[in-house]
Amino acid sequence: RLLLGHRRAFEEIRAGETERRASMRRQALRKPFEVLEMAYQAALQIMMALLVPKVHPIVPHLSRVLMRRDYPAELALPSLAVFVSGLHAKLALDTANLWGMIPFRWVQPRPLRRELVHPLSPRGLELNLVGSLAGVCVGRAMVLVRQGLRLAAEALLGAEPPALIRWVAASALHLTASSILAPLIVGGLSASLRDAQFRGRPLLPTALGRLWRFLSLGVVRVAHAGSEAMGVGDLLSGYIAEVPYWAGAEDAQVPEDLLCPITGSVFVHPVSLHGMVFEQHAARRWVESTGRHPVLQGVWCHEAELQPARDVEALCRRLAAEHGWVLRSSHCSQ
């Protein structure tokens, strides 16, 4: 009865203005061509490796052979040069891709044209700006890593390594880094673009917020693992979320309507999302990572739409009291 009440309440909301706006947002959602975006990110990082801090000899050679003009041995602002030239090239590539020109039409999987971000739209310009900025920053960071490794090798060996070894090591570093980091950057850009469209916010602050949460979570996980290894796990207790569960409920016969569709466990802190009830921590993680409803196909969601289901929570607590279940918690990174 309680679950049906949540569904009926959601149906009433759907009939109103809130659902009309959500429907318009779902129809307007656009996504990038991820294959092209990953190739662009890898190209930016490779160009940074070739131009920073000095221009690699192969660049002037290729410039003379292919373009029949000289290329400077050193650029005053190489990062800015890569950023600006990358924006110009990306705009041309996106336009060609939008119109399905060769070879883009042969690349699969490929979104439908109506799903693509128009390169001259505000979202398209935002995506190219943020993507170019991310590629240049990551490429510059990898150059710093390369320089640090070179200094470490010189200090260890007492002399500069041979040129061939330096070239092989630098090539392996940048190629490996671009192949690993490019998909991560594109995944973050796609999720940030989806979130920005759904919430009606600019892409740059949305992407920066997502990056901050990602870095914070990584630092907390590494620090927590180290503190657990040293036996000082309590020092990070304020940064580690506690996921509650009912101890003893796993062996009991529980009505299926009181089990979370994601975790399969009895509700502790249930929330309602589009007329369906889920455990709070599981639903929040699902929506933050995918932007979609855990059960309903083709339905976009946001964490702000999660509403506490107090009546279902009270029912589960009465059931726990009758069966003598104990509320416990496991640790999980926030």
Protein backbone atom coordinates (compact mmCIF):
# COMPACT_ATOMS: atom_id res chain seq x y z
CA ARG A 1 0.00 0.00 0.00
CA LEU A 2 2.83 2.39 0.86
CA LEU A 3 4.67 1.67 -2.38
CA LEU A 4 1.50 2.17 -4.37
CA GLY A 5 1.07 5.50 -2.61
CA HIS A 6 4.53 6.59 -3.76
CA ARG A 7 3.72 5.56 -7.31
CA ARG A 8 0.41 7.44 -7.29
CA ALA A 9 2.13 10.54 -5.89
CA PHE A 10 4.67 10.40 -8.66
CA GLU A 11 1.96 10.05 -11.28
CA GLU A 12 0.39 13.24 -9.95
CA ILE A 13 3.75 15.01 -10.21
CA ARG A 14 4.23 13.76 -13.74
CA ALA A 15 0.95 15.34 -14.73
CA GLY A 16 2.19 18.73 -13.49
CA GLU A 17 4.80 21.24 -14.49
CA THR A 18 7.73 19.40 -12.92
CA GLU A 19 7.42 16.39 -15.19
CA ARG A 20 6.82 18.59 -18.21
CA ARG A 21 10.14 20.35 -17.62
CA ALA A 22 11.91 17.02 -16.96
CA SER A 23 10.50 15.63 -20.20
CA MET A 24 11.76 18.65 -22.13
CA ARG A 25 15.20 18.22 -20.60
CA ARG A 26 15.30 14.53 -21.50
CA GLN A 27 14.40 15.30 -25.10
CA ALA A 28 17.04 18.04 -25.30
CA LEU A 29 19.92 16.00 -23.90
CA ARG A 30 22.84 15.75 -26.27
CA LYS A 31 26.00 13.69 -26.09
CA PRO A 32 29.44 13.86 -27.74
CA PHE A 33 30.89 11.45 -30.28
CA GLU A 34 33.12 9.63 -27.80
CA VAL A 35 35.41 8.00 -30.38
CA LEU A 36 36.28 11.41 -31.83
CA GLU A 37 36.65 12.91 -28.36
CA MET A 38 39.09 10.19 -27.27
CA ALA A 39 41.17 10.60 -30.43
CA TYR A 40 41.24 14.36 -29.84
CA GLN A 41 42.35 13.96 -26.22
CA ALA A 42 45.14 11.57 -27.22
CA ALA A 43 46.27 13.97 -29.98
CA LEU A 44 46.41 16.91 -27.57
CA GLN A 45 48.55 14.98 -25.11
CA ILE A 46 50.91 13.78 -27.85
CA MET A 47 51.26 17.33 -29.22
CA MET A 48 52.12 18.60 -25.75
CA ALA A 49 54.78 15.90 -25.50
CA LEU A 50 56.29 16.98 -28.84
CA LEU A 51 56.24 20.75 -28.22
CA VAL A 52 56.98 21.13 -24.49
CA PRO A 53 59.42 22.29 -23.22
CA LYS A 54 61.16 22.38 -26.60
CA VAL A 55 60.02 21.39 -30.05
CA HIS A 56 60.97 17.80 -30.90
CA PRO A 57 63.22 17.57 -34.02
CA ILE A 58 60.65 15.46 -35.81
CA VAL A 59 58.14 18.34 -35.86
CA PRO A 60 60.26 20.74 -38.02
CA HIS A 61 61.15 17.82 -40.28
CA LEU A 62 57.50 16.92 -40.85
CA SER A 63 56.65 20.58 -41.35
CA ARG A 64 59.22 20.92 -44.12
CA VAL A 65 58.16 17.67 -45.81
CA LEU A 66 54.37 18.04 -45.57
CA MET A 67 53.80 21.80 -45.46
CA ARG A 68 57.05 23.04 -47.08
CA ARG A 69 57.71 25.63 -44.37
CA ASP A 70 60.04 25.98 -41.43
CA TYR A 71 58.86 25.38 -37.87
CA PRO A 72 60.43 27.24 -34.93
CA ALA A 73 62.77 25.27 -32.70
CA GLU A 74 61.06 26.63 -29.58
CA LEU A 75 57.64 28.16 -28.97
CA ALA A 76 57.13 31.09 -26.60
CA LEU A 77 53.82 29.74 -25.26
CA PRO A 78 53.56 26.11 -26.37
CA SER A 79 50.58 25.26 -24.16
CA LEU A 80 48.59 28.21 -25.50
CA ALA A 81 49.57 27.31 -29.07
CA VAL A 82 48.33 23.73 -28.64
CA PHE A 83 45.13 24.96 -26.96
CA VAL A 84 44.23 27.46 -29.71
CA SER A 85 45.18 25.23 -32.64
CA GLY A 86 43.34 22.34 -30.99
CA LEU A 87 40.14 24.40 -30.71
CA HIS A 88 40.29 25.30 -34.40
CA ALA A 89 40.94 21.73 -35.47
CA LYS A 90 38.22 20.34 -33.19
CA LEU A 91 35.63 22.76 -34.57
CA ALA A 92 36.39 21.61 -38.11
CA LEU A 93 36.31 17.94 -37.11
CA ASP A 94 33.02 18.32 -35.24
CA THR A 95 31.43 20.06 -38.20
CA ALA A 96 32.55 17.30 -40.55
CA ASN A 97 31.28 14.68 -38.13
CA LEU A 98 27.90 16.43 -37.76
CA TRP A 99 27.35 16.26 -41.50
CA GLY A 100 28.51 12.65 -41.69
CA MET A 101 31.49 13.24 -43.94
CA ILE A 102 34.08 10.59 -44.70
CA PRO A 103 35.66 8.97 -42.68
CA PHE A 104 33.39 9.81 -39.71
CA ARG A 105 30.37 8.07 -41.21
CA TRP A 106 32.30 4.79 -41.20
CA VAL A 107 33.15 4.92 -37.47
CA GLN A 108 30.91 2.83 -35.20
CA PRO A 109 29.32 3.03 -32.67
CA ARG A 110 28.09 6.44 -33.70
CA PRO A 111 25.27 8.53 -32.17
CA LEU A 112 22.40 9.69 -34.34
CA ARG A 113 22.75 13.18 -35.77
CA ARG A 114 19.91 14.51 -33.60
CA GLU A 115 21.78 13.26 -30.50
CA LEU A 116 25.08 14.99 -31.30
CA VAL A 117 26.13 18.29 -29.78
CA HIS A 118 26.14 20.98 -32.47
CA PRO A 119 29.71 22.41 -32.59
CA LEU A 120 28.45 26.02 -32.84
CA SER A 121 25.87 25.73 -30.07
CA PRO A 122 26.70 27.07 -26.58
CA ARG A 123 27.02 23.48 -25.29
CA GLY A 124 29.24 22.51 -28.20
CA LEU A 125 31.54 25.47 -27.67
CA GLU A 126 31.64 24.73 -23.94
CA LEU A 127 32.49 21.09 -24.60
CA ASN A 128 35.35 21.98 -26.95
CA LEU A 129 36.69 24.60 -24.55
CA VAL A 130 36.63 22.33 -21.50
CA GLY A 131 37.90 19.31 -23.45
CA SER A 132 40.82 21.28 -24.91
CA LEU A 133 41.67 22.68 -21.50
CA ALA A 134 41.63 19.21 -19.97
CA GLY A 135 43.81 17.72 -22.71
CA VAL A 136 46.40 20.48 -22.48
CA CYS A 137 46.56 20.32 -18.67
CA VAL A 138 46.92 16.54 -18.62
CA GLY A 139 49.54 16.67 -21.39
CA ARG A 140 51.50 19.32 -19.47
CA ALA A 141 51.33 17.22 -16.33
CA MET A 142 52.72 14.20 -18.16
CA VAL A 143 55.60 16.33 -19.48
CA LEU A 144 56.41 17.23 -15.87
CA VAL A 145 56.33 13.54 -14.99
CA ARG A 146 58.69 12.78 -17.88
CA GLN A 147 61.10 15.49 -16.77
CA GLY A 148 61.00 14.24 -13.19
CA LEU A 149 61.74 10.68 -14.26
CA ARG A 150 64.62 11.90 -16.38
CA LEU A 151 66.15 13.80 -13.46
CA ALA A 152 65.71 10.74 -11.23
CA ALA A 153 67.42 8.53 -13.82
CA GLU A 154 70.33 10.98 -14.11
CA ALA A 155 70.72 11.09 -10.33
CA LEU A 156 70.60 7.30 -10.10
CA LEU A 157 72.99 6.60 -12.97
CA GLY A 158 75.26 9.58 -12.40
CA ALA A 159 75.04 10.49 -16.08
CA GLU A 160 72.45 11.28 -18.73
CA PRO A 161 70.86 8.14 -20.24
CA PRO A 162 71.54 7.43 -23.94
CA ALA A 163 69.33 9.26 -26.41
CA LEU A 164 67.71 6.06 -27.70
CA ILE A 165 66.71 4.96 -24.21
CA ARG A 166 65.33 8.42 -23.45
CA TRP A 167 63.29 8.40 -26.65
CA VAL A 168 61.88 4.91 -26.06
CA ALA A 169 61.03 5.65 -22.43
CA ALA A 170 59.38 9.00 -23.25
CA SER A 171 57.37 7.46 -26.11
CA ALA A 172 56.18 4.59 -23.92
CA LEU A 173 55.22 7.00 -21.13
CA HIS A 174 53.18 9.37 -23.28
CA LEU A 175 51.51 6.69 -25.39
CA THR A 176 50.53 4.67 -22.32
CA ALA A 177 49.31 7.76 -20.47
CA SER A 178 47.21 8.96 -23.40
CA SER A 179 45.63 5.54 -23.94
CA ILE A 180 44.67 5.33 -20.24
CA LEU A 181 43.74 8.93 -19.49
CA ALA A 182 41.89 9.84 -22.71
CA PRO A 183 38.93 7.47 -22.01
CA LEU A 184 38.77 8.72 -18.40
CA ILE A 185 38.65 12.36 -19.52
CA VAL A 186 35.99 11.67 -22.15
CA GLY A 187 33.89 9.71 -19.66
CA GLY A 188 34.06 12.60 -17.22
CA LEU A 189 33.20 15.13 -19.94
CA SER A 190 30.21 13.07 -21.09
CA ALA A 191 28.88 12.74 -17.54
CA SER A 192 29.47 16.45 -16.85
CA LEU A 193 27.72 17.44 -20.08
CA ARG A 194 24.72 15.29 -19.19
CA ASP A 195 24.61 16.72 -15.68
CA ALA A 196 24.97 20.31 -16.92
CA GLN A 197 22.12 19.89 -19.41
CA PHE A 198 19.84 18.25 -16.88
CA ARG A 199 20.44 20.92 -14.22
CA GLY A 200 20.63 23.84 -16.66
CA ARG A 201 24.12 24.88 -15.52
CA PRO A 202 27.34 25.81 -17.39
CA LEU A 203 29.64 22.93 -18.23
CA LEU A 204 32.89 24.28 -16.76
CA PRO A 205 31.80 24.56 -13.09
CA THR A 206 29.96 21.25 -13.42
CA ALA A 207 33.09 19.53 -14.74
CA LEU A 208 35.28 21.15 -12.06
CA GLY A 209 32.90 19.98 -9.34
CA ARG A 210 32.96 16.47 -10.70
CA LEU A 211 36.76 16.53 -10.91
CA TRP A 212 36.99 17.72 -7.30
CA ARG A 213 34.76 14.90 -6.09
CA PHE A 214 36.78 12.37 -8.09
CA LEU A 215 40.12 13.58 -6.71
CA SER A 216 38.77 13.83 -3.16
CA LEU A 217 37.42 10.31 -3.33
CA GLY A 218 40.74 9.00 -4.66
CA VAL A 219 42.74 10.73 -1.92
CA VAL A 220 40.39 9.45 0.79
CA ARG A 221 40.55 5.88 -0.53
CA VAL A 222 44.35 5.88 -0.71
CA ALA A 223 44.67 7.48 2.72
CA HIS A 224 42.14 5.09 4.22
CA ALA A 225 43.95 2.07 2.78
CA GLY A 226 47.23 3.34 4.20
CA SER A 227 45.74 4.11 7.60
CA GLU A 228 44.14 0.66 7.77
CA ALA A 229 47.49 -0.93 6.94
CA MET A 230 49.11 1.06 9.78
CA GLY A 231 46.28 0.37 12.20
CA VAL A 232 45.10 3.99 12.45
CA GLY A 233 41.86 3.73 10.49
CA ASP A 234 39.94 5.80 13.06
CA LEU A 235 41.82 8.93 11.96
CA LEU A 236 39.75 9.03 8.77
CA SER A 237 36.43 8.04 10.26
CA GLY A 238 35.02 11.49 9.50
CA TYR A 239 35.75 11.07 5.80
CA ILE A 240 34.40 7.54 5.42
CA ALA A 241 30.68 7.04 4.96
CA GLU A 242 28.91 4.41 7.04
CA VAL A 243 26.51 2.23 5.05
CA PRO A 244 23.88 0.85 7.44
CA TYR A 245 22.31 -2.60 7.13
CA TRP A 246 20.12 -4.91 9.21
CA ALA A 247 22.19 -7.75 10.67
CA GLY A 248 20.07 -10.91 10.74
CA ALA A 249 17.75 -9.91 7.91
CA GLU A 250 19.70 -11.95 5.37
CA ASP A 251 18.34 -15.21 6.83
CA ALA A 252 14.72 -14.04 7.24
CA GLN A 253 11.77 -14.26 4.91
CA VAL A 254 11.27 -10.62 3.92
CA PRO A 255 8.56 -9.33 1.57
CA GLU A 256 10.09 -8.51 -1.79
CA ASP A 257 8.63 -5.00 -1.72
CA LEU A 258 10.85 -4.17 1.27
CA LEU A 259 14.08 -5.12 -0.53
CA CYS A 260 16.10 -2.54 -2.47
CA PRO A 261 16.16 -3.43 -6.20
CA ILE A 262 19.85 -2.40 -6.33
CA THR A 263 21.35 -3.95 -3.19
CA GLY A 264 18.79 -6.70 -2.55
CA SER A 265 18.81 -5.80 1.17
CA VAL A 266 16.08 -4.59 3.50
CA PHE A 267 15.60 -0.83 3.44
CA VAL A 268 17.30 1.21 6.17
CA HIS A 269 17.09 4.73 4.74
CA PRO A 270 14.78 4.35 1.72
CA VAL A 271 14.23 7.12 -0.82
CA SER A 272 11.67 7.49 -3.57
CA LEU A 273 12.74 8.12 -7.17
CA HIS A 274 10.12 8.41 -9.90
CA GLY A 275 7.61 6.42 -7.87
CA MET A 276 10.01 3.59 -6.97
CA VAL A 277 11.81 3.05 -3.64
CA PHE A 278 15.56 2.38 -3.28
CA GLU A 279 18.18 2.44 -0.55
CA GLN A 280 19.57 5.95 -0.26
CA HIS A 281 23.32 5.34 -0.65
CA ALA A 282 22.82 2.89 -3.54
CA ALA A 283 20.41 5.14 -5.44
CA ARG A 284 22.61 8.19 -4.95
CA ARG A 285 25.70 6.43 -6.29
CA TRP A 286 23.77 4.99 -9.22
CA VAL A 287 22.31 8.34 -10.25
CA GLU A 288 25.60 10.22 -9.76
CA SER A 289 27.52 7.75 -11.93
CA THR A 290 24.98 7.08 -14.69
CA GLY A 291 22.42 9.89 -14.61
CA ARG A 292 19.71 7.32 -15.35
CA HIS A 293 16.97 5.63 -13.41
CA PRO A 294 18.09 2.28 -11.93
CA VAL A 295 15.05 0.42 -13.31
CA LEU A 296 13.11 2.55 -15.81
CA GLN A 297 14.79 2.61 -19.21
CA GLY A 298 15.40 5.91 -20.97
CA VAL A 299 14.60 8.01 -17.89
CA TRP A 300 17.20 10.60 -16.89
CA CYS A 301 17.50 11.42 -13.19
CA HIS A 302 19.37 13.67 -10.83
CA GLU A 303 20.23 13.22 -7.17
CA ALA A 304 18.08 16.22 -6.23
CA GLU A 305 15.02 14.14 -7.20
CA LEU A 306 15.65 11.62 -4.39
CA GLN A 307 12.98 12.07 -1.73
CA PRO A 308 12.97 10.31 1.69
CA ALA A 309 10.37 7.55 2.03
CA ARG A 310 9.66 7.97 5.76
CA ASP A 311 6.65 5.66 5.80
CA VAL A 312 8.57 2.76 4.24
CA GLU A 313 11.46 3.39 6.66
CA ALA A 314 9.09 3.23 9.64
CA LEU A 315 7.61 -0.04 8.35
CA CYS A 316 11.07 -1.60 8.00
CA ARG A 317 12.04 -0.51 11.50
CA ARG A 318 8.91 -2.12 12.95
CA LEU A 319 9.70 -5.31 11.05
CA ALA A 320 13.27 -5.23 12.38
CA ALA A 321 12.05 -4.78 15.96
CA GLU A 322 9.70 -7.76 15.62
CA HIS A 323 12.46 -10.04 14.33
CA GLY A 324 15.24 -8.72 16.57
CA TRP A 325 17.47 -7.43 13.76
CA VAL A 326 20.40 -5.24 14.75
CA LEU A 327 21.32 -2.10 12.84
CA ARG A 328 25.00 -2.18 11.90
CA SER A 329 27.16 -0.36 9.38
CA SER A 330 30.01 -1.04 6.99
CA HIS A 331 32.53 1.57 5.88
CA CYS A 332 32.52 3.00 2.39
CA SER A 333 34.36 5.95 0.82
CA GLN A 334 32.11 8.96 0.43
